[in-house]
């Protein structure tokens, strides 16, 4: 077994122990070490790696082995390669289970420091599509709420919700400090179930600018209709998530 320092420009990158007698492939040993260091914050977002040729030489590895290790991290969304810039650590994705919970609660529960900017809070008339989702007549008065949700200072989602006025017993100031579902619970609305559709599309220029993404970046889309414990519709949500910083996690059982 040999111990080799990586020579990363980031001083927090520790020495890597490579076991050449192990059945674990060398590329995976390197990738796993770097993955753990990135996930723990030891190698923070923004760290720029040396090029793969130099890294391979410093570690005593072949270039294909080093390239495969870095590609493993690219595939997991932990680093990005940019021509003319290099290979850089990105902000880890928020992984959220598919449950009837709010994004605010999920972020707060995992220490992601959620913050909210209210983009809109107004009374509108339901159009045909929204009316169909909420089971009301077209033209019915609704409250439309738009928010930009950030995690640790980085924008992650644009959230749009339409709700019956009867359940909206809070204002913009409260929405800026608390999650929507938390406020609904505080005011006596108990969410019971929801139907949800997840999709994807490219960002418009305005959406990309709002979410601090590149033009045409990939977005996750979510449509959700939520019901209270009496079976009444509580909200219709249409949300956009920056795919570079957000992912859904699904547990499957046999």
C-alpha atoms as a PDB file:
ATOM      1  CA  UNK A   1       0.000   0.000   0.000  1.00  0.00           C
ATOM      2  CA  UNK A   2       1.348   3.456  -0.868  1.00  0.00           C
ATOM      3  CA  UNK A   3       0.401   6.872   0.438  1.00  0.00           C
ATOM      4  CA  UNK A   4       0.489   9.656  -2.126  1.00  0.00           C
ATOM      5  CA  UNK A   5      -0.363  13.315  -1.662  1.00  0.00           C
ATOM      6  CA  UNK A   6      -2.612  14.625  -4.392  1.00  0.00           C
ATOM      7  CA  UNK A   7      -1.034  18.044  -4.638  1.00  0.00           C
ATOM      8  CA  UNK A   8      -4.463  19.688  -5.009  1.00  0.00           C
ATOM      9  CA  UNK A   9      -4.436  23.496  -4.919  1.00  0.00           C
ATOM     10  CA  UNK A  10      -6.932  23.187  -2.081  1.00  0.00           C
ATOM     11  CA  UNK A  11      -5.022  22.518   1.128  1.00  0.00           C
ATOM     12  CA  UNK A  12      -8.010  20.635   2.572  1.00  0.00           C
ATOM     13  CA  UNK A  13      -7.490  17.709   0.173  1.00  0.00           C
ATOM     14  CA  UNK A  14      -5.865  15.101   2.358  1.00  0.00           C
ATOM     15  CA  UNK A  15      -3.362  12.428   1.423  1.00  0.00           C
ATOM     16  CA  UNK A  16      -4.905   9.546  -0.475  1.00  0.00           C
ATOM     17  CA  UNK A  17      -4.053   5.961   0.445  1.00  0.00           C
ATOM     18  CA  UNK A  18      -4.015   3.787  -2.648  1.00  0.00           C
ATOM     19  CA  UNK A  19      -4.050   0.031  -2.069  1.00  0.00           C
ATOM     20  CA  UNK A  20      -2.705  -1.559  -5.239  1.00  0.00           C
ATOM     21  CA  UNK A  21      -3.249  -5.060  -3.844  1.00  0.00           C
ATOM     22  CA  UNK A  22      -6.964  -4.441  -3.244  1.00  0.00           C
ATOM     23  CA  UNK A  23      -9.603  -5.965  -5.562  1.00  0.00           C
ATOM     24  CA  UNK A  24     -11.267  -2.513  -5.572  1.00  0.00           C
ATOM     25  CA  UNK A  25     -10.347  -0.804  -8.861  1.00  0.00           C
ATOM     26  CA  UNK A  26      -7.845   2.020  -8.505  1.00  0.00           C
ATOM     27  CA  UNK A  27     -10.146   4.555 -10.182  1.00  0.00           C
ATOM     28  CA  UNK A  28     -12.885   3.765  -7.664  1.00  0.00           C
ATOM     29  CA  UNK A  29     -10.504   4.145  -4.708  1.00  0.00           C
ATOM     30  CA  UNK A  30      -9.640   7.628  -5.952  1.00  0.00           C
ATOM     31  CA  UNK A  31     -13.253   8.524  -6.769  1.00  0.00           C
ATOM     32  CA  UNK A  32     -14.559   7.303  -3.421  1.00  0.00           C
ATOM     33  CA  UNK A  33     -11.940   9.262  -1.482  1.00  0.00           C
ATOM     34  CA  UNK A  34     -12.740  12.461  -3.372  1.00  0.00           C
ATOM     35  CA  UNK A  35     -16.486  11.857  -3.118  1.00  0.00           C
ATOM     36  CA  UNK A  36     -16.265  11.516   0.668  1.00  0.00           C
ATOM     37  CA  UNK A  37     -14.088  14.606   0.951  1.00  0.00           C
ATOM     38  CA  UNK A  38     -16.499  16.670  -1.159  1.00  0.00           C
ATOM     39  CA  UNK A  39     -19.591  15.390   0.660  1.00  0.00           C
ATOM     40  CA  UNK A  40     -18.059  16.208   4.062  1.00  0.00           C
ATOM     41  CA  UNK A  41     -17.068  19.723   2.982  1.00  0.00           C
ATOM     42  CA  UNK A  42     -13.372  18.981   3.335  1.00  0.00           C
ATOM     43  CA  UNK A  43     -13.093  19.889  -0.325  1.00  0.00           C
ATOM     44  CA  UNK A  44     -15.541  22.807  -0.556  1.00  0.00           C
ATOM     45  CA  UNK A  45     -17.631  23.930  -3.530  1.00  0.00           C
ATOM     46  CA  UNK A  46     -15.577  26.042  -5.915  1.00  0.00           C
ATOM     47  CA  UNK A  47     -12.349  24.072  -5.486  1.00  0.00           C
ATOM     48  CA  UNK A  48     -10.474  23.874  -8.801  1.00  0.00           C
ATOM     49  CA  UNK A  49      -8.575  20.650  -9.461  1.00  0.00           C
ATOM     50  CA  UNK A  50      -5.300  20.367 -11.348  1.00  0.00           C
ATOM     51  CA  UNK A  51      -5.649  18.854 -14.818  1.00  0.00           C
ATOM     52  CA  UNK A  52      -5.968  15.080 -15.004  1.00  0.00           C
ATOM     53  CA  UNK A  53      -2.482  14.535 -16.460  1.00  0.00           C
ATOM     54  CA  UNK A  54      -0.854  16.277 -13.504  1.00  0.00           C
ATOM     55  CA  UNK A  55      -3.124  14.511 -11.007  1.00  0.00           C
ATOM     56  CA  UNK A  56      -2.355  11.144 -12.573  1.00  0.00           C
ATOM     57  CA  UNK A  57       1.394  11.815 -12.393  1.00  0.00           C
ATOM     58  CA  UNK A  58       1.187  12.934  -8.785  1.00  0.00           C
ATOM     59  CA  UNK A  59      -0.766   9.825  -7.811  1.00  0.00           C
ATOM     60  CA  UNK A  60       1.359   7.449  -9.860  1.00  0.00           C
ATOM     61  CA  UNK A  61      -1.667   6.410 -11.919  1.00  0.00           C
ATOM     62  CA  UNK A  62      -2.357   6.170 -15.613  1.00  0.00           C
ATOM     63  CA  UNK A  63      -4.259   9.002 -17.219  1.00  0.00           C
ATOM     64  CA  UNK A  64      -7.222   6.729 -18.192  1.00  0.00           C
ATOM     65  CA  UNK A  65      -7.526   5.622 -14.546  1.00  0.00           C
ATOM     66  CA  UNK A  66      -7.540   9.219 -13.308  1.00  0.00           C
ATOM     67  CA  UNK A  67      -9.958  10.290 -16.018  1.00  0.00           C
ATOM     68  CA  UNK A  68     -12.337   7.474 -15.106  1.00  0.00           C
ATOM     69  CA  UNK A  69     -12.223   8.502 -11.439  1.00  0.00           C
ATOM     70  CA  UNK A  70     -13.081  12.109 -12.307  1.00  0.00           C
ATOM     71  CA  UNK A  71     -15.824  11.006 -14.718  1.00  0.00           C
ATOM     72  CA  UNK A  72     -17.383   9.039 -11.872  1.00  0.00           C
ATOM     73  CA  UNK A  73     -17.677  12.307  -9.920  1.00  0.00           C
ATOM     74  CA  UNK A  74     -19.004  14.146 -12.970  1.00  0.00           C
ATOM     75  CA  UNK A  75     -21.709  11.496 -13.382  1.00  0.00           C
ATOM     76  CA  UNK A  76     -22.708  11.943  -9.737  1.00  0.00           C
ATOM     77  CA  UNK A  77     -23.006  15.718 -10.185  1.00  0.00           C
ATOM     78  CA  UNK A  78     -20.201  16.521  -7.733  1.00  0.00           C
ATOM     79  CA  UNK A  79     -17.802  18.179 -10.173  1.00  0.00           C
ATOM     80  CA  UNK A  80     -18.113  19.866 -13.558  1.00  0.00           C
ATOM     81  CA  UNK A  81     -15.661  20.219 -16.425  1.00  0.00           C
ATOM     82  CA  UNK A  82     -15.551  23.523 -18.278  1.00  0.00           C
ATOM     83  CA  UNK A  83     -13.377  24.011 -21.355  1.00  0.00           C
ATOM     84  CA  UNK A  84     -10.857  26.733 -20.673  1.00  0.00           C
ATOM     85  CA  UNK A  85     -11.688  26.762 -16.957  1.00  0.00           C
ATOM     86  CA  UNK A  86     -10.940  23.273 -15.677  1.00  0.00           C
ATOM     87  CA  UNK A  87     -12.577  20.839 -13.297  1.00  0.00           C
ATOM     88  CA  UNK A  88     -14.362  22.408 -10.345  1.00  0.00           C
ATOM     89  CA  UNK A  89     -16.330  21.145  -7.347  1.00  0.00           C
ATOM     90  CA  UNK A  90     -19.971  22.217  -7.476  1.00  0.00           C
ATOM     91  CA  UNK A  91     -22.515  22.749  -4.739  1.00  0.00           C
ATOM     92  CA  UNK A  92     -23.891  19.306  -3.759  1.00  0.00           C
ATOM     93  CA  UNK A  93     -27.436  18.598  -4.912  1.00  0.00           C
ATOM     94  CA  UNK A  94     -30.268  18.709  -2.458  1.00  0.00           C
ATOM     95  CA  UNK A  95     -31.759  15.215  -2.424  1.00  0.00           C
ATOM     96  CA  UNK A  96     -35.388  15.198  -1.405  1.00  0.00           C
ATOM     97  CA  UNK A  97     -37.591  12.157  -0.778  1.00  0.00           C
ATOM     98  CA  UNK A  98     -40.894  11.970  -2.626  1.00  0.00           C
ATOM     99  CA  UNK A  99     -43.145  12.593   0.344  1.00  0.00           C
ATOM    100  CA  UNK A 100     -45.910  15.032   1.226  1.00  0.00           C
ATOM    101  CA  UNK A 101     -43.565  17.536   2.830  1.00  0.00           C
ATOM    102  CA  UNK A 102     -42.576  21.088   2.000  1.00  0.00           C
ATOM    103  CA  UNK A 103     -39.235  22.002   0.482  1.00  0.00           C
ATOM    104  CA  UNK A 104     -38.661  24.445   3.341  1.00  0.00           C
ATOM    105  CA  UNK A 105     -39.116  21.729   5.977  1.00  0.00           C
ATOM    106  CA  UNK A 106     -36.881  19.296   4.065  1.00  0.00           C
ATOM    107  CA  UNK A 107     -34.096  21.853   3.697  1.00  0.00           C
ATOM    108  CA  UNK A 108     -34.303  22.959   7.326  1.00  0.00           C
ATOM    109  CA  UNK A 109     -34.321  19.344   8.494  1.00  0.00           C
ATOM    110  CA  UNK A 110     -31.044  18.638   6.705  1.00  0.00           C
ATOM    111  CA  UNK A 111     -29.285  21.836   7.767  1.00  0.00           C
ATOM    112  CA  UNK A 112     -29.436  23.474   4.319  1.00  0.00           C
ATOM    113  CA  UNK A 113     -30.368  26.937   5.668  1.00  0.00           C
ATOM    114  CA  UNK A 114     -33.488  27.699   3.582  1.00  0.00           C
ATOM    115  CA  UNK A 115     -34.412  31.261   2.699  1.00  0.00           C
ATOM    116  CA  UNK A 116     -37.348  32.666   0.753  1.00  0.00           C
ATOM    117  CA  UNK A 117     -37.995  35.696  -1.432  1.00  0.00           C
ATOM    118  CA  UNK A 118     -41.681  36.318  -2.113  1.00  0.00           C
ATOM    119  CA  UNK A 119     -42.071  37.210  -5.793  1.00  0.00           C
ATOM    120  CA  UNK A 120     -45.834  37.570  -5.849  1.00  0.00           C
ATOM    121  CA  UNK A 121     -48.886  37.438  -3.573  1.00  0.00           C
ATOM    122  CA  UNK A 122     -52.172  38.295  -5.257  1.00  0.00           C
ATOM    123  CA  UNK A 123     -55.802  37.344  -5.777  1.00  0.00           C
ATOM    124  CA  UNK A 124     -56.536  35.966  -9.251  1.00  0.00           C
ATOM    125  CA  UNK A 125     -59.389  34.307 -11.128  1.00  0.00           C
ATOM    126  CA  UNK A 126     -58.922  30.599 -11.865  1.00  0.00           C
ATOM    127  CA  UNK A 127     -58.442  29.819 -15.535  1.00  0.00           C
ATOM    128  CA  UNK A 128     -59.765  26.610 -17.088  1.00  0.00           C
ATOM    129  CA  UNK A 129     -56.638  24.542 -16.372  1.00  0.00           C
ATOM    130  CA  UNK A 130     -56.281  25.611 -12.747  1.00  0.00           C
ATOM    131  CA  UNK A 131     -60.009  25.310 -12.152  1.00  0.00           C
ATOM    132  CA  UNK A 132     -59.909  21.733 -13.386  1.00  0.00           C
ATOM    133  CA  UNK A 133     -57.011  20.874 -11.091  1.00  0.00           C
ATOM    134  CA  UNK A 134     -58.692  22.387  -8.038  1.00  0.00           C
ATOM    135  CA  UNK A 135     -62.183  21.179  -8.857  1.00  0.00           C
ATOM    136  CA  UNK A 136     -63.706  24.654  -8.891  1.00  0.00           C
ATOM    137  CA  UNK A 137     -65.514  26.726 -11.501  1.00  0.00           C
ATOM    138  CA  UNK A 138     -63.484  28.825 -13.913  1.00  0.00           C
ATOM    139  CA  UNK A 139     -63.268  32.373 -12.616  1.00  0.00           C
ATOM    140  CA  UNK A 140     -63.268  31.312  -8.955  1.00  0.00           C
ATOM    141  CA  UNK A 141     -61.146  33.625  -6.808  1.00  0.00           C
ATOM    142  CA  UNK A 142     -57.823  32.121  -5.705  1.00  0.00           C
ATOM    143  CA  UNK A 143     -54.669  33.338  -4.008  1.00  0.00           C
ATOM    144  CA  UNK A 144     -51.568  33.013  -6.182  1.00  0.00           C
ATOM    145  CA  UNK A 145     -48.228  32.872  -4.371  1.00  0.00           C
ATOM    146  CA  UNK A 146     -44.838  32.912  -6.099  1.00  0.00           C
ATOM    147  CA  UNK A 147     -41.580  32.422  -4.205  1.00  0.00           C
ATOM    148  CA  UNK A 148     -37.895  31.915  -4.876  1.00  0.00           C
ATOM    149  CA  UNK A 149     -36.492  29.324  -2.474  1.00  0.00           C
ATOM    150  CA  UNK A 150     -32.752  29.225  -1.815  1.00  0.00           C
ATOM    151  CA  UNK A 151     -30.538  26.809   0.109  1.00  0.00           C
ATOM    152  CA  UNK A 152     -27.354  28.080   1.740  1.00  0.00           C
ATOM    153  CA  UNK A 153     -27.610  31.269  -0.293  1.00  0.00           C
ATOM    154  CA  UNK A 154     -28.049  29.593  -3.693  1.00  0.00           C
ATOM    155  CA  UNK A 155     -31.397  29.733  -5.545  1.00  0.00           C
ATOM    156  CA  UNK A 156     -32.829  26.267  -5.970  1.00  0.00           C
ATOM    157  CA  UNK A 157     -36.516  26.536  -6.904  1.00  0.00           C
ATOM    158  CA  UNK A 158     -39.240  28.839  -8.137  1.00  0.00           C
ATOM    159  CA  UNK A 159     -42.465  27.852  -6.380  1.00  0.00           C
ATOM    160  CA  UNK A 160     -45.936  28.829  -7.603  1.00  0.00           C
ATOM    161  CA  UNK A 161     -48.996  27.884  -5.542  1.00  0.00           C
ATOM    162  CA  UNK A 162     -52.687  28.605  -6.003  1.00  0.00           C
ATOM    163  CA  UNK A 163     -54.936  28.206  -2.958  1.00  0.00           C
ATOM    164  CA  UNK A 164     -58.533  28.923  -1.938  1.00  0.00           C
ATOM    165  CA  UNK A 165     -58.639  32.238  -0.026  1.00  0.00           C
ATOM    166  CA  UNK A 166     -60.259  30.493   2.969  1.00  0.00           C
ATOM    167  CA  UNK A 167     -57.023  28.664   3.829  1.00  0.00           C
ATOM    168  CA  UNK A 168     -54.715  31.657   3.358  1.00  0.00           C
ATOM    169  CA  UNK A 169     -54.618  33.190   6.837  1.00  0.00           C
ATOM    170  CA  UNK A 170     -51.106  34.581   6.542  1.00  0.00           C
ATOM    171  CA  UNK A 171     -49.287  37.253   4.596  1.00  0.00           C
ATOM    172  CA  UNK A 172     -46.086  37.888   2.660  1.00  0.00           C
ATOM    173  CA  UNK A 173     -44.004  38.555   5.766  1.00  0.00           C
ATOM    174  CA  UNK A 174     -44.847  35.142   7.221  1.00  0.00           C
ATOM    175  CA  UNK A 175     -44.126  33.416   3.891  1.00  0.00           C
ATOM    176  CA  UNK A 176     -40.686  34.983   3.813  1.00  0.00           C
ATOM    177  CA  UNK A 177     -39.846  33.354   7.154  1.00  0.00           C
ATOM    178  CA  UNK A 178     -41.743  30.049   7.082  1.00  0.00           C
ATOM    179  CA  UNK A 179     -42.701  27.238   4.726  1.00  0.00           C
ATOM    180  CA  UNK A 180     -46.172  27.199   3.178  1.00  0.00           C
ATOM    181  CA  UNK A 181     -47.134  23.841   4.691  1.00  0.00           C
ATOM    182  CA  UNK A 182     -45.961  24.974   8.117  1.00  0.00           C
ATOM    183  CA  UNK A 183     -48.228  28.032   7.899  1.00  0.00           C
ATOM    184  CA  UNK A 184     -51.151  25.915   6.743  1.00  0.00           C
ATOM    185  CA  UNK A 185     -50.671  23.576   9.717  1.00  0.00           C
ATOM    186  CA  UNK A 186     -50.418  26.478  12.153  1.00  0.00           C
ATOM    187  CA  UNK A 187     -53.766  27.762  10.909  1.00  0.00           C
ATOM    188  CA  UNK A 188     -55.516  24.423  11.249  1.00  0.00           C
ATOM    189  CA  UNK A 189     -55.150  22.875   7.778  1.00  0.00           C
ATOM    190  CA  UNK A 190     -53.971  19.262   7.992  1.00  0.00           C
ATOM    191  CA  UNK A 191     -52.572  17.938   4.721  1.00  0.00           C
ATOM    192  CA  UNK A 192     -53.366  14.297   4.097  1.00  0.00           C
ATOM    193  CA  UNK A 193     -52.460  13.322   0.539  1.00  0.00           C
ATOM    194  CA  UNK A 194     -51.421  14.633  -2.862  1.00  0.00           C
ATOM    195  CA  UNK A 195     -51.036  13.701  -6.495  1.00  0.00           C
ATOM    196  CA  UNK A 196     -47.770  14.759  -8.101  1.00  0.00           C
ATOM    197  CA  UNK A 197     -46.272  14.749 -11.578  1.00  0.00           C
ATOM    198  CA  UNK A 198     -42.536  15.184 -12.112  1.00  0.00           C
ATOM    199  CA  UNK A 199     -41.071  16.173 -15.465  1.00  0.00           C
ATOM    200  CA  UNK A 200     -38.243  18.146 -17.032  1.00  0.00           C
ATOM    201  CA  UNK A 201     -37.666  20.911 -19.558  1.00  0.00           C
ATOM    202  CA  UNK A 202     -35.201  23.634 -20.463  1.00  0.00           C
ATOM    203  CA  UNK A 203     -35.219  26.975 -18.662  1.00  0.00           C
ATOM    204  CA  UNK A 204     -36.415  30.129 -20.354  1.00  0.00           C
ATOM    205  CA  UNK A 205     -33.955  33.050 -20.230  1.00  0.00           C
ATOM    206  CA  UNK A 206     -35.927  34.632 -17.358  1.00  0.00           C
ATOM    207  CA  UNK A 207     -36.064  31.379 -15.388  1.00  0.00           C
ATOM    208  CA  UNK A 208     -32.357  30.749 -15.921  1.00  0.00           C
ATOM    209  CA  UNK A 209     -31.506  34.221 -14.653  1.00  0.00           C
ATOM    210  CA  UNK A 210     -33.750  33.838 -11.600  1.00  0.00           C
ATOM    211  CA  UNK A 211     -32.235  30.468 -10.672  1.00  0.00           C
ATOM    212  CA  UNK A 212     -28.656  31.538 -11.490  1.00  0.00           C
ATOM    213  CA  UNK A 213     -28.382  28.908 -14.219  1.00  0.00           C
ATOM    214  CA  UNK A 214     -27.036  29.005 -17.755  1.00  0.00           C
ATOM    215  CA  UNK A 215     -29.315  29.749 -20.690  1.00  0.00           C
ATOM    216  CA  UNK A 216     -31.349  26.653 -21.570  1.00  0.00           C
ATOM    217  CA  UNK A 217     -30.309  24.807 -18.371  1.00  0.00           C
ATOM    218  CA  UNK A 218     -32.227  21.683 -17.370  1.00  0.00           C
ATOM    219  CA  UNK A 219     -35.072  22.182 -14.912  1.00  0.00           C
ATOM    220  CA  UNK A 220     -37.118  19.647 -12.983  1.00  0.00           C
ATOM    221  CA  UNK A 221     -40.829  20.432 -13.095  1.00  0.00           C
ATOM    222  CA  UNK A 222     -43.362  19.422 -10.468  1.00  0.00           C
ATOM    223  CA  UNK A 223     -47.134  19.733 -10.494  1.00  0.00           C
ATOM    224  CA  UNK A 224     -48.855  18.887  -7.217  1.00  0.00           C
ATOM    225  CA  UNK A 225     -52.470  18.899  -6.035  1.00  0.00           C
ATOM    226  CA  UNK A 226     -52.763  18.510  -2.252  1.00  0.00           C
ATOM    227  CA  UNK A 227     -55.767  17.501  -0.175  1.00  0.00           C
ATOM    228  CA  UNK A 228     -56.605  17.962   3.505  1.00  0.00           C
ATOM    229  CA  UNK A 229     -57.875  15.259   5.844  1.00  0.00           C
ATOM    230  CA  UNK A 230     -61.448  15.984   4.739  1.00  0.00           C
ATOM    231  CA  UNK A 231     -60.621  15.322   1.086  1.00  0.00           C
ATOM    232  CA  UNK A 232     -60.853  18.986   0.076  1.00  0.00           C
ATOM    233  CA  UNK A 233     -58.299  20.453  -2.324  1.00  0.00           C
ATOM    234  CA  UNK A 234     -55.904  22.764  -0.496  1.00  0.00           C
ATOM    235  CA  UNK A 235     -53.428  23.825  -3.158  1.00  0.00           C
ATOM    236  CA  UNK A 236     -52.285  23.448  -6.733  1.00  0.00           C
ATOM    237  CA  UNK A 237     -48.539  23.912  -7.097  1.00  0.00           C
ATOM    238  CA  UNK A 238     -46.363  24.251 -10.190  1.00  0.00           C
ATOM    239  CA  UNK A 239     -42.695  24.311  -9.247  1.00  0.00           C
ATOM    240  CA  UNK A 240     -39.392  24.612 -11.094  1.00  0.00           C
ATOM    241  CA  UNK A 241     -36.143  23.224  -9.649  1.00  0.00           C
ATOM    242  CA  UNK A 242     -32.567  23.762 -10.835  1.00  0.00           C
ATOM    243  CA  UNK A 243     -31.559  20.235 -11.862  1.00  0.00           C
ATOM    244  CA  UNK A 244     -27.878  20.992 -11.205  1.00  0.00           C
ATOM    245  CA  UNK A 245     -28.611  21.464  -7.497  1.00  0.00           C
ATOM    246  CA  UNK A 246     -31.692  19.353  -6.850  1.00  0.00           C
ATOM    247  CA  UNK A 247     -32.812  15.742  -7.182  1.00  0.00           C
ATOM    248  CA  UNK A 248     -35.713  13.582  -6.029  1.00  0.00           C
ATOM    249  CA  UNK A 249     -34.942  10.418  -4.127  1.00  0.00           C
ATOM    250  CA  UNK A 250     -37.244   7.394  -4.382  1.00  0.00           C
ATOM    251  CA  UNK A 251     -37.066   4.319  -2.186  1.00  0.00           C
ATOM    252  CA  UNK A 252     -38.275   1.142  -3.882  1.00  0.00           C
ATOM    253  CA  UNK A 253     -39.350  -2.000  -2.058  1.00  0.00           C
ATOM    254  CA  UNK A 254     -40.231  -5.446  -3.417  1.00  0.00           C
END
